[in-house]
Amino acid sequence: MINLKDTDVKKEEMAQMIEDIKDKLQIVNGGAMKAEFYGAEKYDEIKEIHDMVMSKPNFSVNEMDAIVSELGNMRNQ
């Protein structure tokens, strides 16, 4: 059985992680990456991307494109 409280907490944490990623990468069109576009089942993948983004001081254009593309691929269909 899915614990709805855990799901809500994960969604809140994911929303903050996505905001952190957008801020760090200086994403101009942040509307394309909203937390509601991702299901709670994507938590571990979002966390992995978040941890990687937050650990690096800067990114090449290619790295930023790859990160944004990966997040786009993870969106709910």
Foldseek 3Di string as FASTA:
>chain_A
DDDVVVQVVLLVVLQVLLVLLCVLQVPPPSVLQGSVQAGSVCSVVSVVLSVVSVVDNDDDPVVNVVSVVVSNVRGDD
